[in-house]
C-alpha atoms as a PDB file:
ATOM      1  CA  MET A   1      91.175 132.965  98.798  1.00  0.00           C
ATOM      2  CA  GLY A   2      94.469 131.936 100.292  1.00  0.00           C
ATOM      3  CA  PHE A   3      95.940 131.171 103.660  1.00  0.00           C
ATOM      4  CA  CYS A   4      98.789 132.807 105.518  1.00  0.00           C
ATOM      5  CA  ILE A   5     101.963 130.713 105.360  1.00  0.00           C
ATOM      6  CA  SER A   6     102.725 131.674 108.949  1.00  0.00           C
ATOM      7  CA  CYS A   7      99.505 131.761 110.996  1.00  0.00           C
ATOM      8  CA  GLY A   8      97.125 129.910 108.648  1.00  0.00           C
ATOM      9  CA  GLN A   9      94.411 132.572 108.648  1.00  0.00           C
ATOM     10  CA  GLN A  10      92.409 132.936 105.439  1.00  0.00           C
ATOM     11  CA  HIS A  11      92.935 136.086 103.372  1.00  0.00           C
ATOM     12  CA  GLN A  12      92.330 137.505  99.912  1.00  0.00           C
ATOM     13  CA  ASP A  13      94.630 136.443  97.073  1.00  0.00           C
ATOM     14  CA  GLY A  14      97.307 138.910  96.073  1.00  0.00           C
ATOM     15  CA  ILE A  15      98.049 140.454  99.467  1.00  0.00           C
ATOM     16  CA  ARG A  16     101.663 141.063 100.414  1.00  0.00           C
ATOM     17  CA  PHE A  17     101.286 140.907 104.195  1.00  0.00           C
ATOM     18  CA  CYS A  18      98.936 138.963 106.446  1.00  0.00           C
ATOM     19  CA  ARG A  19      96.446 141.231 108.192  1.00  0.00           C
ATOM     20  CA  PHE A  20      96.461 138.967 111.256  1.00  0.00           C
ATOM     21  CA  CYS A  21     100.150 138.331 111.959  1.00  0.00           C
ATOM     22  CA  GLY A  22     101.848 140.807 109.586  1.00  0.00           C
ATOM     23  CA  ASN A  23     104.165 138.271 107.958  1.00  0.00           C
ATOM     24  CA  GLN A  24     105.045 138.665 104.299  1.00  0.00           C
ATOM     25  CA  GLN A  25     103.242 136.340 101.904  1.00  0.00           C
ATOM     26  CA  PRO A  26     104.753 134.670  98.816  1.00  0.00           C
ATOM     27  CA  GLY A  27     104.475 136.449  95.480  1.00  0.00           C
ATOM     28  CA  ASP A  28     102.248 135.421  92.594  1.00  0.00           C
ATOM     29  CA  GLN A  29     105.128 133.785  90.678  1.00  0.00           C
ATOM     30  CA  LEU A  30     106.020 131.544  93.611  1.00  0.00           C
ATOM     31  CA  LEU A  31     102.374 130.627  94.175  1.00  0.00           C
ATOM     32  CA  ALA A  32     101.967 129.719  90.499  1.00  0.00           C
ATOM     33  CA  ARG A  33     105.064 127.513  90.630  1.00  0.00           C
ATOM     34  CA  LEU A  34     103.889 125.822  93.830  1.00  0.00           C
ATOM     35  CA  ARG A  35     100.453 125.167  92.333  1.00  0.00           C
ATOM     36  CA  GLN A  36     102.071 123.632  89.254  1.00  0.00           C
ATOM     37  CA  GLU A  37     104.263 121.392  91.422  1.00  0.00           C
ATOM     38  CA  ALA A  38     101.241 120.358  93.492  1.00  0.00           C
ATOM     39  CA  GLU A  39      99.367 119.378  90.311  1.00  0.00           C
ATOM     40  CA  GLN A  40     102.345 117.301  89.161  1.00  0.00           C
ATOM     41  CA  ILE A  41     102.542 115.539  92.531  1.00  0.00           C
ATOM     42  CA  HIS A  42      98.809 114.859  92.437  1.00  0.00           C
ATOM     43  CA  TYR A  43      99.103 113.379  88.932  1.00  0.00           C
ATOM     44  CA  MET A  44     102.034 111.152  89.986  1.00  0.00           C
ATOM     45  CA  ARG A  45     100.054 109.990  93.029  1.00  0.00           C
ATOM     46  CA  LEU A  46      97.089 109.046  90.842  1.00  0.00           C
ATOM     47  CA  GLN A  47      99.402 107.104  88.535  1.00  0.00           C
ATOM     48  CA  ALA A  48     100.944 105.247  91.481  1.00  0.00           C
ATOM     49  CA  GLN A  49      97.512 104.375  92.861  1.00  0.00           C
ATOM     50  CA  ALA A  50      96.368 103.058  89.477  1.00  0.00           C
ATOM     51  CA  LEU A  51      99.512 100.962  89.146  1.00  0.00           C
ATOM     52  CA  ALA A  52      99.089  99.548  92.661  1.00  0.00           C
ATOM     53  CA  GLN A  53      95.462  98.683  91.939  1.00  0.00           C
ATOM     54  CA  GLN A  54      96.449  96.989  88.691  1.00  0.00           C
ATOM     55  CA  GLN A  55      99.108  94.946  90.499  1.00  0.00           C
ATOM     56  CA  GLN A  56      96.606  93.913  93.172  1.00  0.00           C
ATOM     57  CA  GLN A  57      94.158  92.766  90.499  1.00  0.00           C
ATOM     58  CA  GLN A  58      96.877  90.767  88.762  1.00  0.00           C
ATOM     59  CA  GLN A  59      97.912  89.162  92.052  1.00  0.00           C
ATOM     60  CA  TYR A  60      94.276  88.312  92.854  1.00  0.00           C
ATOM     61  CA  SER A  61      93.820  86.752  89.413  1.00  0.00           C
ATOM     62  CA  GLN A  62      97.005  84.729  89.839  1.00  0.00           C
ATOM     63  CA  ASN A  63      95.882  83.527  93.285  1.00  0.00           C
ATOM     64  CA  GLN A  64      92.496  82.507  91.889  1.00  0.00           C
ATOM     65  CA  TYR A  65      94.196  80.538  89.115  1.00  0.00           C
ATOM     66  CA  ASN A  66      96.522  78.787  91.576  1.00  0.00           C
ATOM     67  CA  GLN A  67      93.616  77.788  93.837  1.00  0.00           C
ATOM     68  CA  GLN A  68      91.645  76.005  91.095  1.00  0.00           C
ATOM     69  CA  PRO A  69      91.737  72.217  91.417  1.00  0.00           C
ATOM     70  CA  ARG A  70      93.873  70.520  88.822  1.00  0.00           C
ATOM     71  CA  TRP A  71      92.556  67.201  87.689  1.00  0.00           C
END
């Protein structure tokens, strides 16, 4: 199932024109390329989140070390 790029109504995959608004829909090649780009963006986002979490953990560990009393 897909969605019309113009009106947002749900339709079957592989149609050329939306049955609700009549606008032309992207072809299969464009959809495949867009899906591939979306997967790449999702992967980069996951990497950025993991890096941010790792940096937060390092900062927390450093703060804990700095707060220990030094005798």
